[in-house]
Amino acid sequence: MTTPPPGRHAPAGAMRRALIESCLTVLTAGALLASLVVGAVLSERPAPTPASPAACHPDIRLWHAAI
């Protein structure tokens, strides 16, 4: 946005556009920060471990034993 000459105000449309642009910039930065935080939290969770046949239902243990 260009600055108006001394003693004059910027047109209302330019001020509104500058306000919208700054709000969008803040929202975009917030969304980026939130995605980084979520990614960091999710990367700290332990990976799921496969269930051992001993922890399964008895029918499943028999099926594993048959294999």
N, C-alpha and C. Protein backbone atom coordinates (compact mmCIF):
# COMPACT_ATOMS: atom_id res chain seq x y z
N MET A 1 0.85 -1.17 0.00
CA MET A 1 0.00 0.00 0.00
C MET A 1 0.89 1.23 0.00
N THR A 2 0.61 2.18 -0.88
CA THR A 2 1.40 3.40 -0.94
C THR A 2 0.90 4.38 0.10
N THR A 3 1.81 5.21 0.60
CA THR A 3 1.41 6.20 1.60
C THR A 3 0.85 7.42 0.89
N PRO A 4 -0.21 8.00 1.44
CA PRO A 4 -0.78 9.20 0.81
C PRO A 4 0.11 10.41 1.08
N PRO A 5 -0.08 11.48 0.33
CA PRO A 5 0.72 12.69 0.58
C PRO A 5 0.44 13.24 1.98
N PRO A 6 1.35 14.03 2.52
CA PRO A 6 1.14 14.58 3.87
C PRO A 6 -0.16 15.37 3.96
N GLY A 7 -0.86 15.17 5.07
CA GLY A 7 -2.10 15.90 5.29
C GLY A 7 -3.32 15.22 4.71
N ARG A 8 -3.16 14.13 4.02
CA ARG A 8 -4.30 13.42 3.43
C ARG A 8 -4.37 12.03 4.02
N HIS A 9 -5.58 11.50 4.06
CA HIS A 9 -5.79 10.14 4.56
C HIS A 9 -5.87 9.18 3.39
N ALA A 10 -5.54 7.94 3.67
CA ALA A 10 -5.67 6.90 2.64
C ALA A 10 -7.15 6.65 2.38
N PRO A 11 -7.50 6.29 1.17
CA PRO A 11 -8.90 5.98 0.87
C PRO A 11 -9.39 4.82 1.74
N ALA A 12 -10.69 4.81 2.01
CA ALA A 12 -11.26 3.78 2.88
C ALA A 12 -11.05 2.39 2.30
N GLY A 13 -11.12 2.25 0.99
CA GLY A 13 -10.92 0.95 0.36
C GLY A 13 -9.52 0.42 0.59
N ALA A 14 -8.53 1.30 0.54
CA ALA A 14 -7.15 0.88 0.77
C ALA A 14 -6.94 0.48 2.22
N MET A 15 -7.57 1.21 3.13
CA MET A 15 -7.43 0.87 4.55
C MET A 15 -8.10 -0.46 4.85
N ARG A 16 -9.26 -0.68 4.25
CA ARG A 16 -9.97 -1.94 4.47
C ARG A 16 -9.16 -3.10 3.90
N ARG A 17 -8.58 -2.90 2.72
CA ARG A 17 -7.78 -3.94 2.09
C ARG A 17 -6.55 -4.25 2.94
N ALA A 18 -5.91 -3.22 3.49
CA ALA A 18 -4.74 -3.44 4.34
C ALA A 18 -5.12 -4.19 5.61
N LEU A 19 -6.29 -3.87 6.18
CA LEU A 19 -6.75 -4.57 7.38
C LEU A 19 -7.03 -6.03 7.08
N ILE A 20 -7.68 -6.30 5.95
CA ILE A 20 -7.97 -7.68 5.57
C ILE A 20 -6.68 -8.45 5.33
N GLU A 21 -5.72 -7.83 4.65
CA GLU A 21 -4.44 -8.50 4.39
C GLU A 21 -3.71 -8.82 5.69
N SER A 22 -3.73 -7.90 6.64
CA SER A 22 -3.04 -8.17 7.90
C SER A 22 -3.75 -9.25 8.70
N CYS A 23 -5.09 -9.27 8.66
CA CYS A 23 -5.83 -10.34 9.35
C CYS A 23 -5.53 -11.69 8.72
N LEU A 24 -5.49 -11.75 7.40
CA LEU A 24 -5.18 -13.01 6.72
C LEU A 24 -3.75 -13.46 7.03
N THR A 25 -2.84 -12.52 7.14
CA THR A 25 -1.46 -12.87 7.49
C THR A 25 -1.39 -13.47 8.89
N VAL A 26 -2.10 -12.86 9.83
CA VAL A 26 -2.10 -13.38 11.20
C VAL A 26 -2.76 -14.76 11.25
N LEU A 27 -3.88 -14.93 10.53
CA LEU A 27 -4.55 -16.23 10.52
C LEU A 27 -3.67 -17.30 9.87
N THR A 28 -2.98 -16.96 8.80
CA THR A 28 -2.10 -17.91 8.14
C THR A 28 -0.94 -18.30 9.06
N ALA A 29 -0.36 -17.33 9.73
CA ALA A 29 0.73 -17.63 10.65
C ALA A 29 0.24 -18.51 11.80
N GLY A 30 -0.96 -18.24 12.30
CA GLY A 30 -1.53 -19.06 13.37
C GLY A 30 -1.78 -20.48 12.92
N ALA A 31 -2.29 -20.64 11.70
CA ALA A 31 -2.54 -21.99 11.19
C ALA A 31 -1.23 -22.75 11.00
N LEU A 32 -0.21 -22.07 10.53
CA LEU A 32 1.09 -22.72 10.36
C LEU A 32 1.67 -23.13 11.70
N LEU A 33 1.57 -22.26 12.69
CA LEU A 33 2.07 -22.59 14.02
C LEU A 33 1.29 -23.76 14.62
N ALA A 34 -0.02 -23.76 14.44
CA ALA A 34 -0.84 -24.86 14.98
C ALA A 34 -0.47 -26.18 14.31
N SER A 35 -0.23 -26.16 13.00
CA SER A 35 0.13 -27.41 12.32
C SER A 35 1.50 -27.91 12.78
N LEU A 36 2.41 -27.00 13.06
CA LEU A 36 3.72 -27.42 13.58
C LEU A 36 3.60 -28.02 14.97
N VAL A 37 2.76 -27.43 15.81
CA VAL A 37 2.57 -27.96 17.16
C VAL A 37 1.92 -29.33 17.10
N VAL A 38 0.90 -29.49 16.27
CA VAL A 38 0.22 -30.78 16.15
C VAL A 38 1.20 -31.83 15.61
N GLY A 39 2.00 -31.46 14.63
CA GLY A 39 2.99 -32.39 14.10
C GLY A 39 4.01 -32.81 15.14
N ALA A 40 4.44 -31.86 15.97
CA ALA A 40 5.40 -32.20 17.02
C ALA A 40 4.78 -33.11 18.07
N VAL A 41 3.53 -32.85 18.42
CA VAL A 41 2.86 -33.69 19.42
C VAL A 41 2.66 -35.09 18.88
N LEU A 42 2.22 -35.20 17.63
CA LEU A 42 1.98 -36.52 17.06
C LEU A 42 3.26 -37.30 16.86
N SER A 43 4.37 -36.63 16.60
CA SER A 43 5.63 -37.35 16.40
C SER A 43 6.18 -37.88 17.73
N GLU A 44 5.72 -37.35 18.85
CA GLU A 44 6.19 -37.80 20.16
C GLU A 44 5.43 -39.03 20.64
N ARG A 45 4.30 -39.35 20.05
CA ARG A 45 3.53 -40.52 20.49
C ARG A 45 4.26 -41.79 20.10
N PRO A 46 4.27 -42.80 20.96
CA PRO A 46 4.93 -44.05 20.60
C PRO A 46 4.16 -44.77 19.49
N ALA A 47 4.90 -45.45 18.67
CA ALA A 47 4.27 -46.20 17.58
C ALA A 47 3.52 -47.39 18.16
N PRO A 48 2.38 -47.73 17.59
CA PRO A 48 1.64 -48.89 18.10
C PRO A 48 2.43 -50.17 17.86
N THR A 49 2.41 -51.04 18.84
CA THR A 49 3.12 -52.31 18.71
C THR A 49 2.13 -53.39 18.30
N PRO A 50 2.55 -54.30 17.46
CA PRO A 50 1.62 -55.37 17.07
C PRO A 50 1.33 -56.27 18.27
N ALA A 51 0.10 -56.72 18.34
CA ALA A 51 -0.30 -57.59 19.46
C ALA A 51 0.35 -58.96 19.30
N SER A 52 0.84 -59.47 20.39
CA SER A 52 1.41 -60.81 20.35
C SER A 52 0.27 -61.83 20.37
N PRO A 53 0.49 -63.01 19.84
CA PRO A 53 -0.56 -64.03 19.85
C PRO A 53 -1.02 -64.37 21.27
N ALA A 54 -0.14 -64.23 22.27
CA ALA A 54 -0.53 -64.56 23.64
C ALA A 54 -1.55 -63.57 24.19
N ALA A 55 -1.55 -62.34 23.66
CA ALA A 55 -2.49 -61.34 24.15
C ALA A 55 -3.82 -61.39 23.43
N CYS A 56 -3.95 -62.24 22.44
CA CYS A 56 -5.17 -62.31 21.64
C CYS A 56 -6.22 -63.20 22.31
N HIS A 57 -7.35 -63.20 21.72
CA HIS A 57 -8.46 -64.06 22.14
C HIS A 57 -8.03 -65.53 21.99
N PRO A 58 -8.53 -66.45 22.82
CA PRO A 58 -8.10 -67.86 22.75
C PRO A 58 -8.29 -68.47 21.36
N ASP A 59 -9.37 -68.14 20.67
CA ASP A 59 -9.57 -68.69 19.33
C ASP A 59 -8.48 -68.23 18.38
N ILE A 60 -8.05 -67.00 18.53
CA ILE A 60 -6.98 -66.48 17.67
C ILE A 60 -5.67 -67.19 17.99
N ARG A 61 -5.43 -67.47 19.28
CA ARG A 61 -4.20 -68.19 19.65
C ARG A 61 -4.18 -69.58 19.00
N LEU A 62 -5.33 -70.24 18.97
CA LEU A 62 -5.39 -71.55 18.33
C LEU A 62 -5.11 -71.43 16.84
N TRP A 63 -5.65 -70.38 16.25
CA TRP A 63 -5.44 -70.18 14.82
C TRP A 63 -3.96 -69.93 14.54
N HIS A 64 -3.30 -69.11 15.40
CA HIS A 64 -1.87 -68.85 15.24
C HIS A 64 -1.07 -70.14 15.45
N ALA A 65 -1.49 -70.95 16.39
CA ALA A 65 -0.77 -72.20 16.64
C ALA A 65 -0.92 -73.15 15.46
N ALA A 66 -2.06 -73.10 14.78
CA ALA A 66 -2.29 -73.99 13.64
C ALA A 66 -1.44 -73.58 12.44
N ILE A 67 -1.06 -72.35 12.38
CA ILE A 67 -0.24 -71.87 11.26
C ILE A 67 1.15 -72.32 11.48
